[in-house]
Protein backbone atom coordinates (compact mmCIF):
# COMPACT_ATOMS: atom_id res chain seq x y z
CA MET A 1 0.00 0.00 0.00
CA THR A 2 1.43 3.36 -1.00
CA HIS A 3 0.17 5.20 2.10
CA ASP A 4 2.92 3.61 4.21
CA ILE A 5 5.65 4.94 1.90
CA ALA A 6 7.64 7.98 3.02
CA TRP A 7 7.40 10.13 -0.10
CA PRO A 8 10.14 12.74 -0.37
CA PRO A 9 9.22 16.25 0.76
CA LEU A 10 8.56 18.45 -2.26
CA ALA A 11 11.24 20.92 -1.12
CA SER A 12 13.89 18.18 -1.43
CA VAL A 13 13.04 17.31 -5.06
CA HIS A 14 14.97 19.21 -7.73
CA THR A 15 14.58 16.85 -10.70
CA ILE A 16 11.89 14.44 -11.90
CA ALA A 17 12.85 12.26 -14.86
CA PHE A 18 10.44 9.90 -16.60
CA ASP A 19 11.27 6.97 -18.82
CA PHE A 20 8.76 6.85 -21.69
CA ASP A 21 7.96 3.34 -22.94
CA GLY A 22 6.31 1.31 -20.20
CA VAL A 23 5.83 4.45 -18.07
CA PHE A 24 3.78 6.81 -20.24
CA THR A 25 2.75 3.89 -22.46
CA ASP A 26 1.65 0.29 -21.99
CA ASN A 27 5.01 -0.73 -23.51
CA LYS A 28 3.31 -1.79 -26.73
CA VAL A 29 4.01 -0.32 -30.15
CA TYR A 30 1.57 -0.27 -33.05
CA LEU A 31 3.18 -0.50 -36.48
CA ASN A 32 1.31 0.13 -39.72
CA GLN A 33 2.19 -1.28 -43.16
CA ASP A 34 4.29 1.82 -43.90
CA GLY A 35 6.45 1.32 -40.81
CA VAL A 36 4.89 4.23 -38.91
CA GLU A 37 4.80 3.60 -35.17
CA SER A 38 2.20 4.75 -32.69
CA VAL A 39 1.70 4.13 -28.98
CA ARG A 40 -1.14 4.33 -26.49
CA CYS A 41 -0.96 6.86 -23.63
CA ASP A 42 -3.36 7.73 -20.82
CA ARG A 43 -4.93 11.20 -20.89
CA GLY A 44 -5.18 11.10 -17.09
CA ASP A 45 -1.39 10.93 -16.99
CA GLY A 46 -1.31 14.15 -19.01
CA LEU A 47 -3.49 15.83 -16.41
CA GLY A 48 -1.05 14.54 -13.78
CA ILE A 49 1.76 16.38 -15.58
CA ASP A 50 -0.45 19.49 -15.52
CA PHE A 51 -0.80 19.01 -11.74
CA LEU A 52 3.01 18.93 -11.38
CA ARG A 53 3.29 22.07 -13.49
CA SER A 54 0.62 23.77 -11.35
CA ALA A 55 2.51 22.80 -8.18
CA ARG A 56 5.65 24.29 -9.71
CA GLU A 57 3.92 27.50 -10.79
CA ARG A 58 2.46 27.91 -7.31
CA GLY A 59 5.89 27.45 -5.68
CA HIS A 60 5.17 24.10 -4.02
CA LEU A 61 7.65 22.25 -6.25
CA LYS A 62 10.84 23.58 -7.83
CA ALA A 63 11.82 20.52 -9.87
CA ASP A 64 13.03 20.33 -13.44
CA MET A 65 10.97 17.70 -15.26
CA PHE A 66 11.78 15.81 -18.43
CA ILE A 67 11.37 12.56 -20.32
CA LEU A 68 14.54 10.48 -20.55
CA SER A 69 14.10 7.80 -23.21
CA LYS A 70 16.28 5.29 -25.00
CA GLU A 71 14.01 5.55 -28.06
CA PRO A 72 14.95 8.12 -30.71
CA ASN A 73 11.37 7.90 -31.94
CA PRO A 74 9.28 10.87 -33.14
CA VAL A 75 6.36 9.48 -31.11
CA VAL A 76 8.27 10.25 -27.90
CA LEU A 77 8.93 13.81 -29.06
CA ALA A 78 5.31 14.32 -30.13
CA ARG A 79 3.98 13.25 -26.74
CA ALA A 80 6.57 15.37 -24.92
CA ARG A 81 5.54 18.40 -26.99
CA LYS A 82 1.87 17.77 -26.22
CA LEU A 83 2.68 17.56 -22.49
CA LYS A 84 5.04 20.57 -22.69
CA LEU A 85 7.81 18.43 -21.21
CA ASP A 86 11.45 18.63 -22.15
CA CYS A 87 12.62 15.41 -23.79
CA LYS A 88 16.04 13.81 -23.83
CA HIS A 89 15.71 10.90 -26.26
CA GLY A 90 18.04 8.43 -27.87
CA VAL A 91 19.79 8.07 -24.48
CA ALA A 92 21.10 4.52 -24.19
CA ARG A 93 22.91 4.99 -20.85
CA LYS A 94 20.59 6.97 -18.62
CA LYS A 95 22.83 6.99 -15.54
CA ASP A 96 25.72 8.38 -17.60
CA PHE A 97 23.39 11.03 -19.03
CA MET A 98 22.32 12.08 -15.51
CA ASP A 99 25.96 12.24 -14.38
CA ALA A 100 26.64 14.75 -17.17
CA TYR A 101 23.34 16.57 -16.59
CA PHE A 102 24.07 17.08 -12.90
CA ALA A 103 27.68 18.11 -13.61
CA GLU A 104 26.30 20.88 -15.83
CA HIS A 105 23.13 21.88 -13.93
CA ARG A 106 24.12 21.22 -10.31
CA PRO A 107 27.93 21.49 -10.28
CA VAL A 108 28.25 22.43 -6.60
CA ASP A 109 25.72 19.88 -5.33
CA LEU A 110 27.71 17.17 -3.53
CA ALA A 111 24.79 14.70 -3.63
CA PRO A 112 22.68 15.60 -6.67
CA TYR A 113 21.04 12.19 -6.90
CA ALA A 114 19.38 12.71 -3.51
CA GLY A 115 16.97 15.22 -5.11
CA LEU A 116 16.15 13.06 -8.14
CA ILE A 117 12.92 11.14 -8.57
CA PHE A 118 13.13 8.70 -11.49
CA LEU A 119 10.25 6.69 -12.92
CA GLY A 120 11.25 3.62 -14.91
CA ASN A 121 10.14 0.10 -15.73
CA ASP A 122 12.85 -1.97 -17.40
CA LEU A 123 16.40 -3.20 -16.97
CA ASN A 124 17.93 -0.28 -18.90
CA ASP A 125 16.44 1.97 -16.17
CA LEU A 126 17.87 -0.02 -13.26
CA ALA A 127 21.22 1.79 -12.81
CA LEU A 128 19.50 5.17 -12.63
CA MET A 129 16.73 3.83 -10.41
CA CYS A 130 19.32 2.56 -7.94
CA ALA A 131 21.18 5.90 -7.98
CA ALA A 132 18.10 8.12 -7.63
CA GLY A 133 17.13 9.43 -4.23
CA PHE A 134 13.63 8.09 -4.91
CA SER A 135 12.50 5.79 -7.71
CA VAL A 136 9.03 4.69 -8.76
CA ALA A 137 8.03 1.68 -10.86
CA PRO A 138 4.68 0.63 -12.31
CA GLY A 139 3.13 -2.65 -11.20
CA ASP A 140 4.04 -4.33 -14.49
CA ALA A 141 7.73 -3.34 -14.39
CA HIS A 142 10.46 -5.96 -14.69
CA PRO A 143 10.78 -7.92 -11.41
CA LEU A 144 14.31 -6.61 -10.72
CA VAL A 145 13.15 -3.03 -11.24
CA ARG A 146 10.25 -3.59 -8.85
CA ARG A 147 12.65 -5.05 -6.30
CA HIS A 148 14.96 -2.01 -6.40
CA ALA A 149 12.37 0.76 -6.70
CA SER A 150 11.61 2.95 -3.68
CA VAL A 151 7.94 2.35 -4.40
CA VAL A 152 5.96 0.21 -6.81
CA LEU A 153 2.52 1.50 -7.66
CA PRO A 154 -0.20 -0.96 -8.66
CA GLN A 155 -1.03 0.93 -11.85
CA HIS A 156 0.60 -0.29 -15.04
CA GLY A 157 2.52 1.87 -17.47
CA GLY A 158 0.20 3.79 -19.77
CA GLU A 159 -2.75 3.02 -17.51
CA GLY A 160 -2.71 5.86 -15.00
CA PHE A 161 0.72 5.17 -13.50
CA ILE A 162 1.99 8.75 -13.92
CA ARG A 163 -1.25 10.17 -12.53
CA ALA A 164 -1.08 7.87 -9.47
CA PHE A 165 2.54 8.92 -8.86
CA VAL A 166 1.65 12.62 -9.07
CA GLU A 167 -1.32 12.28 -6.75
CA GLN A 168 0.83 10.47 -4.17
CA LEU A 169 3.74 12.91 -4.47
CA LEU A 170 1.49 15.97 -4.14
CA ALA A 171 -0.66 14.28 -1.45
CA ILE A 172 -3.81 15.20 -3.35
CA ASP A 173 -5.93 12.93 -1.16
CA THR A 174 -5.09 15.13 1.86
CA MET A 175 -6.29 18.36 0.22
CA THR A 176 -9.59 19.90 1.22
CA LEU A 177 -12.14 20.32 -1.55
CA GLU A 178 -11.40 24.04 -1.61
CA GLU A 179 -7.66 23.42 -1.94
CA LEU A 180 -8.28 20.83 -4.65
CA HIS A 181 -10.58 23.17 -6.62
CA GLU A 182 -8.00 25.95 -6.39
CA PHE A 183 -5.20 23.58 -7.40
CA VAL A 184 -7.09 22.14 -10.39
CA HIS A 185 -8.21 25.63 -11.43
CA HIS A 186 -4.54 26.54 -12.05
CA CYS A 187 -3.99 23.61 -14.43
């Protein structure tokens, strides 16, 4: 049960990075006869990203947010554009990428990984999940990823996983109706 998990305080989070396939999607790819790929995403997850943006605009969260994907696929970029999320794609070694990212963006931070939340689902995410201060996996993630994640949510990738993460992180279930209306109004 996710209520027993000690979620990081929002003030301690400076970066949220999302894998794409198996996190925003159900890890399936649709391929037409012309070789054009498409994927299935959950619109509720998009609203969850809006909630994060609202929390940031209201000063409750100061985190950089971006998609970090191995796939150099235009589908990833299209979804990132729709969500107004920065996208680092074609990244085969995500931990190495984050090492370089933190060296550039947080050069004086002696423990930059402590403020990172990473959401991933497969073995190529494992090194970064283990390094992150807090990592989150969907219920259908690879067993080793689930074992090493800080929390595993029951939702599957592409089926409300991002939205469930956001609601837990922002403690939406503890908001009064007035607070919730005000929060959603800013989305």
